C-alpha atoms as a PDB file:
ATOM      1  CA  MET A   1     271.344 224.826-131.998  1.00  0.00           C
ATOM      2  CA  GLU A   2     271.361 221.720-129.784  1.00  0.00           C
ATOM      3  CA  LEU A   3     272.163 218.284-131.035  1.00  0.00           C
ATOM      4  CA  ARG A   4     268.759 217.135-130.156  1.00  0.00           C
ATOM      5  CA  ASN A   5     267.244 219.630-132.491  1.00  0.00           C
ATOM      6  CA  LEU A   6     269.497 218.584-135.404  1.00  0.00           C
ATOM      7  CA  VAL A   7     268.757 214.906-135.346  1.00  0.00           C
ATOM      8  CA  PRO A   8     265.298 215.254-137.160  1.00  0.00           C
ATOM      9  CA  LEU A   9     266.924 217.509-139.761  1.00  0.00           C
ATOM     10  CA  ALA A  10     269.494 214.827-140.420  1.00  0.00           C
ATOM     11  CA  ALA A  11     267.145 211.886-140.062  1.00  0.00           C
ATOM     12  CA  MET A  12     264.581 213.092-142.686  1.00  0.00           C
ATOM     13  CA  PRO A  13     267.000 213.311-145.610  1.00  0.00           C
ATOM     14  CA  ALA A  14     268.623 210.073-144.522  1.00  0.00           C
ATOM     15  CA  MET A  15     265.356 208.320-144.519  1.00  0.00           C
ATOM     16  CA  MET A  16     264.554 209.774-147.954  1.00  0.00           C
ATOM     17  CA  ILE A  17     267.884 208.544-149.393  1.00  0.00           C
ATOM     18  CA  ALA A  18     267.410 204.990-147.756  1.00  0.00           C
ATOM     19  CA  VAL A  19     263.874 204.730-149.349  1.00  0.00           C
ATOM     20  CA  GLN A  20     265.222 205.732-152.811  1.00  0.00           C
ATOM     21  CA  LEU A  21     268.181 203.226-152.484  1.00  0.00           C
ATOM     22  CA  LEU A  22     265.794 200.469-151.418  1.00  0.00           C
ATOM     23  CA  ALA A  23     263.556 201.256-154.449  1.00  0.00           C
ATOM     24  CA  ILE A  24     266.563 201.072-156.782  1.00  0.00           C
ATOM     25  CA  PHE A  25     267.619 197.864-155.054  1.00  0.00           C
ATOM     26  CA  LEU A  26     264.138 196.259-155.502  1.00  0.00           C
ATOM     27  CA  SER A  27     263.492 197.510-159.067  1.00  0.00           C
ATOM     28  CA  HIS A  28     265.218 194.694-160.834  1.00  0.00           C
ATOM     29  CA  PRO A  29     263.630 191.855-158.866  1.00  0.00           C
ATOM     30  CA  LEU A  30     260.210 193.347-159.348  1.00  0.00           C
ATOM     31  CA  GLN A  31     260.739 193.753-163.062  1.00  0.00           C
ATOM     32  CA  ALA A  32     261.952 190.243-163.396  1.00  0.00           C
ATOM     33  CA  ALA A  33     258.705 189.080-161.618  1.00  0.00           C
ATOM     34  CA  GLY A  34     256.558 191.029-163.982  1.00  0.00           C
ATOM     35  CA  VAL A  35     255.269 193.564-161.460  1.00  0.00           C
ATOM     36  CA  ALA A  36     254.650 196.976-162.889  1.00  0.00           C
ATOM     37  CA  ALA A  37     252.708 200.003-161.714  1.00  0.00           C
ATOM     38  CA  PHE A  38     251.387 200.826-165.108  1.00  0.00           C
ATOM     39  CA  GLU A  39     250.644 198.701-168.230  1.00  0.00           C
ATOM     40  CA  ASP A  40     252.693 200.847-170.505  1.00  0.00           C
ATOM     41  CA  PRO A  41     255.843 201.988-168.610  1.00  0.00           C
ATOM     42  CA  THR A  42     256.883 204.113-171.497  1.00  0.00           C
ATOM     43  CA  SER A  43     253.824 206.272-171.467  1.00  0.00           C
ATOM     44  CA  VAL A  44     254.212 210.023-170.790  1.00  0.00           C
ATOM     45  CA  ALA A  45     250.945 210.055-168.924  1.00  0.00           C
ATOM     46  CA  ASN A  46     252.177 207.702-166.100  1.00  0.00           C
ATOM     47  CA  PRO A  47     253.655 210.474-163.816  1.00  0.00           C
ATOM     48  CA  PHE A  48     250.474 212.546-164.222  1.00  0.00           C
ATOM     49  CA  ILE A  49     248.180 209.663-163.373  1.00  0.00           C
ATOM     50  CA  PHE A  50     250.381 208.799-160.392  1.00  0.00           C
ATOM     51  CA  LEU A  51     250.328 212.399-159.209  1.00  0.00           C
ATOM     52  CA  ALA A  52     246.586 212.598-159.515  1.00  0.00           C
ATOM     53  CA  ILE A  53     246.139 209.368-157.512  1.00  0.00           C
ATOM     54  CA  LEU A  54     248.521 210.660-154.836  1.00  0.00           C
ATOM     55  CA  LEU A  55     246.688 214.004-154.568  1.00  0.00           C
ATOM     56  CA  VAL A  56     243.153 212.385-154.448  1.00  0.00           C
ATOM     57  CA  PHE A  57     244.303 209.991-151.753  1.00  0.00           C
ATOM     58  CA  THR A  58     245.937 212.832-149.805  1.00  0.00           C
ATOM     59  CA  LEU A  59     242.717 214.894-150.006  1.00  0.00           C
ATOM     60  CA  PHE A  60     240.737 211.916-148.824  1.00  0.00           C
ATOM     61  CA  LEU A  61     243.160 211.535-145.779  1.00  0.00           C
ATOM     62  CA  LEU A  62     243.048 215.159-145.013  1.00  0.00           C
ATOM     63  CA  ALA A  63     239.172 215.134-145.109  1.00  0.00           C
ATOM     64  CA  LEU A  64     239.103 212.260-142.683  1.00  0.00           C
ATOM     65  CA  LEU A  65     241.479 214.189-140.435  1.00  0.00           C
ATOM     66  CA  ARG A  66     239.321 217.276-140.756  1.00  0.00           C
ATOM     67  CA  PHE A  67     236.160 215.435-139.856  1.00  0.00           C
ATOM     68  CA  GLY A  68     237.769 213.823-136.803  1.00  0.00           C
ATOM     69  CA  VAL A  69     237.635 210.224-137.935  1.00  0.00           C
ATOM     70  CA  ARG A  70     241.165 209.415-136.615  1.00  0.00           C
ATOM     71  CA  LYS A  71     240.611 205.671-135.935  1.00  0.00           C
ATOM     72  CA  LEU A  72     239.466 205.041-139.479  1.00  0.00           C
ATOM     73  CA  LEU A  73     242.446 207.087-140.689  1.00  0.00           C
ATOM     74  CA  GLY A  74     244.782 204.825-138.692  1.00  0.00           C
ATOM     75  CA  VAL A  75     243.053 201.729-140.143  1.00  0.00           C
ATOM     76  CA  ILE A  76     243.365 203.016-143.733  1.00  0.00           C
ATOM     77  CA  ILE A  77     247.050 203.732-143.309  1.00  0.00           C
ATOM     78  CA  ALA A  78     247.672 200.335-141.659  1.00  0.00           C
ATOM     79  CA  ILE A  79     245.936 198.557-144.535  1.00  0.00           C
ATOM     80  CA  SER A  80     247.741 200.610-147.106  1.00  0.00           C
ATOM     81  CA  LEU A  81     251.156 199.664-145.552  1.00  0.00           C
ATOM     82  CA  PHE A  82     250.093 196.017-145.317  1.00  0.00           C
ATOM     83  CA  PHE A  83     249.199 195.955-149.167  1.00  0.00           C
ATOM     84  CA  THR A  84     252.374 197.881-150.001  1.00  0.00           C
ATOM     85  CA  PHE A  85     254.430 195.284-148.212  1.00  0.00           C
ATOM     86  CA  LEU A  86     252.519 192.493-150.056  1.00  0.00           C
ATOM     87  CA  TYR A  87     253.014 194.253-153.391  1.00  0.00           C
ATOM     88  CA  VAL A  88     256.782 194.755-152.857  1.00  0.00           C
ATOM     89  CA  PHE A  89     257.818 191.674-151.050  1.00  0.00           C
ATOM     90  CA  GLY A  90     255.306 189.219-152.557  1.00  0.00           C
ATOM     91  CA  PRO A  91     257.152 188.541-155.775  1.00  0.00           C
END
């Protein structure tokens, strides 16, 4: 295998680890600011609710892709990223 083909295989896990480390790094400031994804963080239902939201949004994006509405898909992804940045870096 060429080095050029190995770069994506190494970059993907490195990016995943970087995101997880950033999440751990930001968790304490967000908790101190009172930001929480769910009202009751101890609830057992939270992961299932999160998974359902993730699956519904993914199906919605796949439907947009299937029906050829790529510009709308790009706008939705850009708005989602914008609100994610506001949510994370706002506090």
